[in-house]
Amino acid sequence: MNHSRRVCLFALLSMIGGNVAIARNAAAPKWPDTPLARTQALALLQTLNADLLSHDSATLTLEHWCGAHHMASPARVIAQRVRGDDKPLPAGWRAQLAIDANEPVKYRHVQLKCGDHVLSEADNWYLPNRLTAAMNRQLDSSDVPFGKVVQPLHFRRKTLSADLLWSPLPAGWELHRAQMRPTAGALAMPHLLLQHRALLFAGDGRPFSALVETYTDQVLAF
């Protein structure tokens, strides 16, 4: 290999390495493992949880979160489809949706992304017969988030459960603060931090969608 080819190859590998580093940085929030950082992380998770619970559209809430924390410009959330892993409607949810065994149900699995950040994984079971033909086409063929597609229904959200999957502070920390000592490493956090289960109701009061939304560590990647 001549000198010019070696230089080109080195430059290409450097670019690839740089891109990998960027991807890793985007995928792994780096917080110091200190009592203050743990308290701040918990406060942010509780703030996001409260924001999600107080708004009907998780998509718009995530866009506001992404923009407020300068995570992407523009702060626009898209739904990246994950195909080939259809899941059956969870047991008991036909009753929640007020449908019989013959009512068709479609499944849509997406990753809600803002810039390079996958902020949540959403499992969505919806009733195509309660949506318009245009909405169904858009859900089948586009990366537009579900909440934006069905906005004309003037929907409201009923949260069935909201679970914090991880807490930066151990149980009883307020009684044993002296034992919470900083370490030299980064704060270890799991990939999945928060999960909501919810139903969406149209303006006429009929449910048309059941959701499981699982929020990732990327909500703290700033």
C-alpha atoms as a PDB file:
ATOM      1  CA  MET A   1       0.000   0.000   0.000  1.00  0.00           C
ATOM      2  CA  ASN A   2       1.516   3.367  -1.025  1.00  0.00           C
ATOM      3  CA  HIS A   3       1.785   6.359   1.291  1.00  0.00           C
ATOM      4  CA  SER A   4      -1.226   8.257  -0.089  1.00  0.00           C
ATOM      5  CA  ARG A   5      -3.485   5.215   0.289  1.00  0.00           C
ATOM      6  CA  ARG A   6      -2.300   4.704   3.871  1.00  0.00           C
ATOM      7  CA  VAL A   7      -3.080   8.348   4.654  1.00  0.00           C
ATOM      8  CA  CYS A   8      -6.570   8.023   3.139  1.00  0.00           C
ATOM      9  CA  LEU A   9      -7.226   4.808   5.046  1.00  0.00           C
ATOM     10  CA  PHE A  10      -6.027   6.372   8.308  1.00  0.00           C
ATOM     11  CA  ALA A  11      -8.290   9.375   7.735  1.00  0.00           C
ATOM     12  CA  LEU A  12     -11.265   7.122   7.009  1.00  0.00           C
ATOM     13  CA  LEU A  13     -10.684   5.046  10.132  1.00  0.00           C
ATOM     14  CA  SER A  14     -10.319   8.216  12.176  1.00  0.00           C
ATOM     15  CA  MET A  15     -13.666   9.474  10.888  1.00  0.00           C
ATOM     16  CA  ILE A  16     -15.319   6.149  11.665  1.00  0.00           C
ATOM     17  CA  GLY A  17     -13.798   6.133  15.135  1.00  0.00           C
ATOM     18  CA  GLY A  18     -15.022   9.678  15.712  1.00  0.00           C
ATOM     19  CA  ASN A  19     -18.539   8.740  14.657  1.00  0.00           C
ATOM     20  CA  VAL A  20     -18.505   5.716  16.949  1.00  0.00           C
ATOM     21  CA  ALA A  21     -17.375   7.904  19.833  1.00  0.00           C
ATOM     22  CA  ILE A  22     -20.193  10.347  19.134  1.00  0.00           C
ATOM     23  CA  ALA A  23     -22.725   7.495  19.056  1.00  0.00           C
ATOM     24  CA  ARG A  24     -21.402   6.135  22.347  1.00  0.00           C
ATOM     25  CA  ASN A  25     -21.591   9.552  23.963  1.00  0.00           C
ATOM     26  CA  ALA A  26     -25.190   9.905  22.792  1.00  0.00           C
ATOM     27  CA  ALA A  27     -26.030   6.428  24.097  1.00  0.00           C
ATOM     28  CA  ALA A  28     -24.445   6.711  27.542  1.00  0.00           C
ATOM     29  CA  PRO A  29     -25.237   9.722  29.730  1.00  0.00           C
ATOM     30  CA  LYS A  30     -22.245  10.566  31.863  1.00  0.00           C
ATOM     31  CA  TRP A  31     -23.164  11.811  35.307  1.00  0.00           C
ATOM     32  CA  PRO A  32     -20.693  11.895  38.207  1.00  0.00           C
ATOM     33  CA  ASP A  33     -21.431   9.443  40.996  1.00  0.00           C
ATOM     34  CA  THR A  34     -21.954  11.994  43.739  1.00  0.00           C
ATOM     35  CA  PRO A  35     -24.839  12.575  46.170  1.00  0.00           C
ATOM     36  CA  LEU A  36     -25.598  15.898  44.462  1.00  0.00           C
ATOM     37  CA  ALA A  37     -25.719  14.366  40.969  1.00  0.00           C
ATOM     38  CA  ARG A  38     -27.931  11.514  42.189  1.00  0.00           C
ATOM     39  CA  THR A  39     -30.327  14.009  43.785  1.00  0.00           C
ATOM     40  CA  GLN A  40     -30.407  16.095  40.596  1.00  0.00           C
ATOM     41  CA  ALA A  41     -31.050  13.014  38.433  1.00  0.00           C
ATOM     42  CA  LEU A  42     -33.956  11.957  40.638  1.00  0.00           C
ATOM     43  CA  ALA A  43     -35.416  15.483  40.575  1.00  0.00           C
ATOM     44  CA  LEU A  44     -35.247  15.501  36.766  1.00  0.00           C
ATOM     45  CA  LEU A  45     -36.893  12.081  36.466  1.00  0.00           C
ATOM     46  CA  GLN A  46     -39.688  13.171  38.794  1.00  0.00           C
ATOM     47  CA  THR A  47     -40.104  16.399  36.810  1.00  0.00           C
ATOM     48  CA  LEU A  48     -40.379  14.502  33.524  1.00  0.00           C
ATOM     49  CA  ASN A  49     -42.806  12.045  35.100  1.00  0.00           C
ATOM     50  CA  ALA A  50     -44.994  14.910  36.326  1.00  0.00           C
ATOM     51  CA  ASP A  51     -44.876  16.583  32.896  1.00  0.00           C
ATOM     52  CA  LEU A  52     -45.960  13.363  31.181  1.00  0.00           C
ATOM     53  CA  LEU A  53     -48.783  12.824  33.669  1.00  0.00           C
ATOM     54  CA  SER A  54     -50.101  16.362  33.235  1.00  0.00           C
ATOM     55  CA  HIS A  55     -50.253  16.350  29.410  1.00  0.00           C
ATOM     56  CA  ASP A  56     -52.211  14.194  26.990  1.00  0.00           C
ATOM     57  CA  SER A  57     -49.463  13.995  24.340  1.00  0.00           C
ATOM     58  CA  ALA A  58     -46.216  12.280  25.327  1.00  0.00           C
ATOM     59  CA  THR A  59     -44.741  13.306  21.956  1.00  0.00           C
ATOM     60  CA  LEU A  60     -45.226  17.028  22.566  1.00  0.00           C
ATOM     61  CA  THR A  61     -43.956  16.655  26.139  1.00  0.00           C
ATOM     62  CA  LEU A  62     -40.779  14.973  24.871  1.00  0.00           C
ATOM     63  CA  GLU A  63     -40.286  17.669  22.216  1.00  0.00           C
ATOM     64  CA  HIS A  64     -40.509  20.337  24.906  1.00  0.00           C
ATOM     65  CA  TRP A  65     -38.085  18.362  27.118  1.00  0.00           C
ATOM     66  CA  CYS A  66     -35.646  17.918  24.246  1.00  0.00           C
ATOM     67  CA  GLY A  67     -35.774  21.602  23.349  1.00  0.00           C
ATOM     68  CA  ALA A  68     -35.545  22.878  26.926  1.00  0.00           C
ATOM     69  CA  HIS A  69     -32.391  20.814  27.490  1.00  0.00           C
ATOM     70  CA  HIS A  70     -30.791  21.677  24.108  1.00  0.00           C
ATOM     71  CA  MET A  71     -30.561  18.022  23.079  1.00  0.00           C
ATOM     72  CA  ALA A  72     -31.238  18.634  19.376  1.00  0.00           C
ATOM     73  CA  SER A  73     -31.861  21.492  16.978  1.00  0.00           C
ATOM     74  CA  PRO A  74     -34.574  21.520  15.872  1.00  0.00           C
ATOM     75  CA  ALA A  75     -36.144  19.691  18.801  1.00  0.00           C
ATOM     76  CA  ARG A  76     -38.452  17.493  16.744  1.00  0.00           C
ATOM     77  CA  VAL A  77     -39.533  14.018  17.796  1.00  0.00           C
ATOM     78  CA  ILE A  78     -39.907  11.363  15.105  1.00  0.00           C
ATOM     79  CA  ALA A  79     -41.210   7.809  15.430  1.00  0.00           C
ATOM     80  CA  GLN A  80     -38.710   5.298  14.087  1.00  0.00           C
ATOM     81  CA  ARG A  81     -40.624   2.111  13.313  1.00  0.00           C
ATOM     82  CA  VAL A  82     -39.442  -1.215  14.727  1.00  0.00           C
ATOM     83  CA  ARG A  83     -40.935  -3.900  12.507  1.00  0.00           C
ATOM     84  CA  GLY A  84     -41.295  -7.634  12.710  1.00  0.00           C
ATOM     85  CA  ASP A  85     -42.018  -8.065  16.420  1.00  0.00           C
ATOM     86  CA  ASP A  86     -45.804  -7.800  16.671  1.00  0.00           C
ATOM     87  CA  LYS A  87     -47.066  -8.310  20.201  1.00  0.00           C
ATOM     88  CA  PRO A  88     -50.565  -9.450  21.155  1.00  0.00           C
ATOM     89  CA  LEU A  89     -52.798  -7.093  23.072  1.00  0.00           C
ATOM     90  CA  PRO A  90     -52.139  -7.663  26.805  1.00  0.00           C
ATOM     91  CA  ALA A  91     -54.705  -9.743  28.655  1.00  0.00           C
ATOM     92  CA  GLY A  92     -57.658  -7.734  29.891  1.00  0.00           C
ATOM     93  CA  TRP A  93     -57.086  -4.769  27.609  1.00  0.00           C
ATOM     94  CA  ARG A  94     -59.948  -5.645  25.246  1.00  0.00           C
ATOM     95  CA  ALA A  95     -62.235  -4.897  28.163  1.00  0.00           C
ATOM     96  CA  GLN A  96     -60.349  -1.641  28.799  1.00  0.00           C
ATOM     97  CA  LEU A  97     -60.871  -0.687  25.143  1.00  0.00           C
ATOM     98  CA  ALA A  98     -64.539  -1.752  25.302  1.00  0.00           C
ATOM     99  CA  ILE A  99     -64.254  -4.112  22.311  1.00  0.00           C
ATOM    100  CA  ASP A 100     -65.217  -7.722  21.671  1.00  0.00           C
ATOM    101  CA  ALA A 101     -63.020 -10.561  20.465  1.00  0.00           C
ATOM    102  CA  ASN A 102     -63.765  -9.813  16.790  1.00  0.00           C
ATOM    103  CA  GLU A 103     -62.683  -6.162  16.767  1.00  0.00           C
ATOM    104  CA  PRO A 104     -59.444  -5.734  14.758  1.00  0.00           C
ATOM    105  CA  VAL A 105     -56.469  -4.327  16.652  1.00  0.00           C
ATOM    106  CA  LYS A 106     -53.255  -3.095  15.012  1.00  0.00           C
ATOM    107  CA  TYR A 107     -49.852  -2.921  16.673  1.00  0.00           C
ATOM    108  CA  ARG A 108     -47.201  -0.272  16.176  1.00  0.00           C
ATOM    109  CA  HIS A 109     -43.800  -0.359  17.885  1.00  0.00           C
ATOM    110  CA  VAL A 110     -41.686   2.778  17.603  1.00  0.00           C
ATOM    111  CA  GLN A 111     -38.654   4.437  19.077  1.00  0.00           C
ATOM    112  CA  LEU A 112     -39.339   8.115  19.729  1.00  0.00           C
ATOM    113  CA  LYS A 113     -36.184   9.984  18.757  1.00  0.00           C
ATOM    114  CA  CYS A 114     -35.103  13.583  19.140  1.00  0.00           C
ATOM    115  CA  GLY A 115     -31.902  14.136  17.210  1.00  0.00           C
ATOM    116  CA  ASP A 116     -29.593  11.206  18.051  1.00  0.00           C
ATOM    117  CA  HIS A 117     -31.437  10.408  21.269  1.00  0.00           C
ATOM    118  CA  VAL A 118     -33.942   7.551  21.556  1.00  0.00           C
ATOM    119  CA  LEU A 119     -36.022   8.978  24.393  1.00  0.00           C
ATOM    120  CA  SER A 120     -38.633   6.237  24.618  1.00  0.00           C
ATOM    121  CA  GLU A 121     -39.817   2.904  23.269  1.00  0.00           C
ATOM    122  CA  ALA A 122     -43.560   2.832  22.644  1.00  0.00           C
ATOM    123  CA  ASP A 123     -45.793  -0.215  22.208  1.00  0.00           C
ATOM    124  CA  ASN A 124     -49.102   0.935  20.775  1.00  0.00           C
ATOM    125  CA  TRP A 125     -52.208  -1.154  20.137  1.00  0.00           C
ATOM    126  CA  TYR A 126     -54.878   0.844  18.310  1.00  0.00           C
ATOM    127  CA  LEU A 127     -58.298   0.338  16.758  1.00  0.00           C
ATOM    128  CA  PRO A 128     -58.167   1.166  13.042  1.00  0.00           C
ATOM    129  CA  ASN A 129     -61.966   1.238  12.791  1.00  0.00           C
ATOM    130  CA  ARG A 130     -62.037   4.221  15.168  1.00  0.00           C
ATOM    131  CA  LEU A 131     -59.532   6.229  13.105  1.00  0.00           C
ATOM    132  CA  THR A 132     -59.981   7.890   9.731  1.00  0.00           C
ATOM    133  CA  ALA A 133     -58.655   6.301   6.544  1.00  0.00           C
ATOM    134  CA  ALA A 134     -56.080   9.091   6.259  1.00  0.00           C
ATOM    135  CA  MET A 135     -54.834   8.447   9.798  1.00  0.00           C
ATOM    136  CA  ASN A 136     -54.477   4.728   9.112  1.00  0.00           C
ATOM    137  CA  ARG A 137     -52.503   5.386   5.935  1.00  0.00           C
ATOM    138  CA  GLN A 138     -50.184   7.769   7.749  1.00  0.00           C
ATOM    139  CA  LEU A 139     -49.599   5.310  10.593  1.00  0.00           C
ATOM    140  CA  ASP A 140     -48.783   2.550   8.110  1.00  0.00           C
ATOM    141  CA  SER A 141     -46.444   4.543   5.898  1.00  0.00           C
ATOM    142  CA  SER A 142     -44.763   7.346   7.860  1.00  0.00           C
ATOM    143  CA  ASP A 143     -42.517   8.115  10.836  1.00  0.00           C
ATOM    144  CA  VAL A 144     -44.975  10.638  12.310  1.00  0.00           C
ATOM    145  CA  PRO A 145     -45.588   9.884  16.011  1.00  0.00           C
ATOM    146  CA  PHE A 146     -48.989   8.429  16.873  1.00  0.00           C
ATOM    147  CA  GLY A 147     -49.982  11.396  19.030  1.00  0.00           C
ATOM    148  CA  LYS A 148     -49.477  13.826  16.158  1.00  0.00           C
ATOM    149  CA  VAL A 149     -51.401  11.649  13.693  1.00  0.00           C
ATOM    150  CA  VAL A 150     -54.478  11.434  15.929  1.00  0.00           C
ATOM    151  CA  GLN A 151     -54.462  15.051  17.135  1.00  0.00           C
ATOM    152  CA  PRO A 152     -57.659  15.823  15.133  1.00  0.00           C
ATOM    153  CA  LEU A 153     -59.523  13.425  17.464  1.00  0.00           C
ATOM    154  CA  HIS A 154     -58.947  15.891  20.337  1.00  0.00           C
ATOM    155  CA  PHE A 155     -57.937  12.932  22.463  1.00  0.00           C
ATOM    156  CA  ARG A 156     -57.425  12.737  26.171  1.00  0.00           C
ATOM    157  CA  ARG A 157     -55.145  10.381  28.020  1.00  0.00           C
ATOM    158  CA  LYS A 158     -55.940   8.162  30.994  1.00  0.00           C
ATOM    159  CA  THR A 159     -52.828   6.882  32.741  1.00  0.00           C
ATOM    160  CA  LEU A 160     -53.211   3.374  34.137  1.00  0.00           C
ATOM    161  CA  SER A 161     -49.789   3.219  35.807  1.00  0.00           C
ATOM    162  CA  ALA A 162     -46.582   5.248  36.051  1.00  0.00           C
ATOM    163  CA  ASP A 163     -43.586   3.371  37.429  1.00  0.00           C
ATOM    164  CA  LEU A 164     -40.094   4.633  38.172  1.00  0.00           C
ATOM    165  CA  LEU A 165     -37.921   1.685  37.100  1.00  0.00           C
ATOM    166  CA  TRP A 166     -34.774   3.054  38.726  1.00  0.00           C
ATOM    167  CA  SER A 167     -34.013   5.503  41.489  1.00  0.00           C
ATOM    168  CA  PRO A 168     -30.626   7.249  41.678  1.00  0.00           C
ATOM    169  CA  LEU A 169     -31.002   7.320  45.471  1.00  0.00           C
ATOM    170  CA  PRO A 170     -31.217   4.115  47.528  1.00  0.00           C
ATOM    171  CA  ALA A 171     -34.181   3.459  49.781  1.00  0.00           C
ATOM    172  CA  GLY A 172     -33.727   5.194  53.121  1.00  0.00           C
ATOM    173  CA  TRP A 173     -31.048   7.543  51.813  1.00  0.00           C
ATOM    174  CA  GLU A 174     -32.468  10.449  53.838  1.00  0.00           C
ATOM    175  CA  LEU A 175     -31.692   8.555  57.044  1.00  0.00           C
ATOM    176  CA  HIS A 176     -28.194   7.469  56.024  1.00  0.00           C
ATOM    177  CA  ARG A 177     -26.821  10.443  54.125  1.00  0.00           C
ATOM    178  CA  ALA A 178     -23.386  10.055  55.717  1.00  0.00           C
ATOM    179  CA  GLN A 179     -23.011   6.696  53.937  1.00  0.00           C
ATOM    180  CA  MET A 180     -23.575   8.251  50.500  1.00  0.00           C
ATOM    181  CA  ARG A 181     -20.024   8.952  49.463  1.00  0.00           C
ATOM    182  CA  PRO A 182     -18.953  10.085  45.979  1.00  0.00           C
ATOM    183  CA  THR A 183     -16.897   7.738  43.855  1.00  0.00           C
ATOM    184  CA  ALA A 184     -14.372   8.439  41.116  1.00  0.00           C
ATOM    185  CA  GLY A 185     -16.515   6.762  38.464  1.00  0.00           C
ATOM    186  CA  ALA A 186     -19.616   7.697  36.524  1.00  0.00           C
ATOM    187  CA  LEU A 187     -23.103   7.154  37.866  1.00  0.00           C
ATOM    188  CA  ALA A 188     -24.303   3.745  36.652  1.00  0.00           C
ATOM    189  CA  MET A 189     -27.857   3.818  35.386  1.00  0.00           C
ATOM    190  CA  PRO A 190     -29.896   1.216  33.509  1.00  0.00           C
ATOM    191  CA  HIS A 191     -31.131   1.819  29.970  1.00  0.00           C
ATOM    192  CA  LEU A 192     -34.812   1.919  31.007  1.00  0.00           C
ATOM    193  CA  LEU A 193     -35.812   4.436  33.667  1.00  0.00           C
ATOM    194  CA  LEU A 194     -39.563   5.061  33.612  1.00  0.00           C
ATOM    195  CA  GLN A 195     -42.657   3.286  32.269  1.00  0.00           C
ATOM    196  CA  HIS A 196     -46.217   4.472  31.662  1.00  0.00           C
ATOM    197  CA  ARG A 197     -49.298   2.482  30.676  1.00  0.00           C
ATOM    198  CA  ALA A 198     -52.196   4.492  29.311  1.00  0.00           C
ATOM    199  CA  LEU A 199     -55.378   4.578  27.251  1.00  0.00           C
ATOM    200  CA  LEU A 200     -56.291   7.257  24.728  1.00  0.00           C
ATOM    201  CA  PHE A 201     -59.905   8.402  24.365  1.00  0.00           C
ATOM    202  CA  ALA A 202     -61.354  10.341  21.445  1.00  0.00           C
ATOM    203  CA  GLY A 203     -63.466  13.439  21.917  1.00  0.00           C
ATOM    204  CA  ASP A 204     -66.608  11.272  21.806  1.00  0.00           C
ATOM    205  CA  GLY A 205     -65.426   9.370  24.885  1.00  0.00           C
ATOM    206  CA  ARG A 206     -64.550   6.107  23.119  1.00  0.00           C
ATOM    207  CA  PRO A 207     -61.095   4.567  23.739  1.00  0.00           C
ATOM    208  CA  PHE A 208     -59.079   3.921  20.596  1.00  0.00           C
ATOM    209  CA  SER A 209     -55.540   3.101  21.760  1.00  0.00           C
ATOM    210  CA  ALA A 210     -53.626   1.345  24.534  1.00  0.00           C
ATOM    211  CA  LEU A 211     -49.997   2.294  25.162  1.00  0.00           C
ATOM    212  CA  VAL A 212     -46.942   1.094  27.017  1.00  0.00           C
ATOM    213  CA  GLU A 213     -44.257   3.799  26.936  1.00  0.00           C
ATOM    214  CA  THR A 214     -40.823   3.052  28.371  1.00  0.00           C
ATOM    215  CA  TYR A 215     -38.454   5.996  28.771  1.00  0.00           C
ATOM    216  CA  THR A 216     -34.727   5.481  28.399  1.00  0.00           C
ATOM    217  CA  ASP A 217     -31.569   6.878  29.987  1.00  0.00           C
ATOM    218  CA  GLN A 218     -31.386   9.243  26.988  1.00  0.00           C
ATOM    219  CA  VAL A 219     -33.839  11.592  28.725  1.00  0.00           C
ATOM    220  CA  LEU A 220     -30.845  12.452  30.974  1.00  0.00           C
ATOM    221  CA  ALA A 221     -28.291  12.689  28.148  1.00  0.00           C
ATOM    222  CA  PHE A 222     -27.494  16.379  28.410  1.00  0.00           C
END
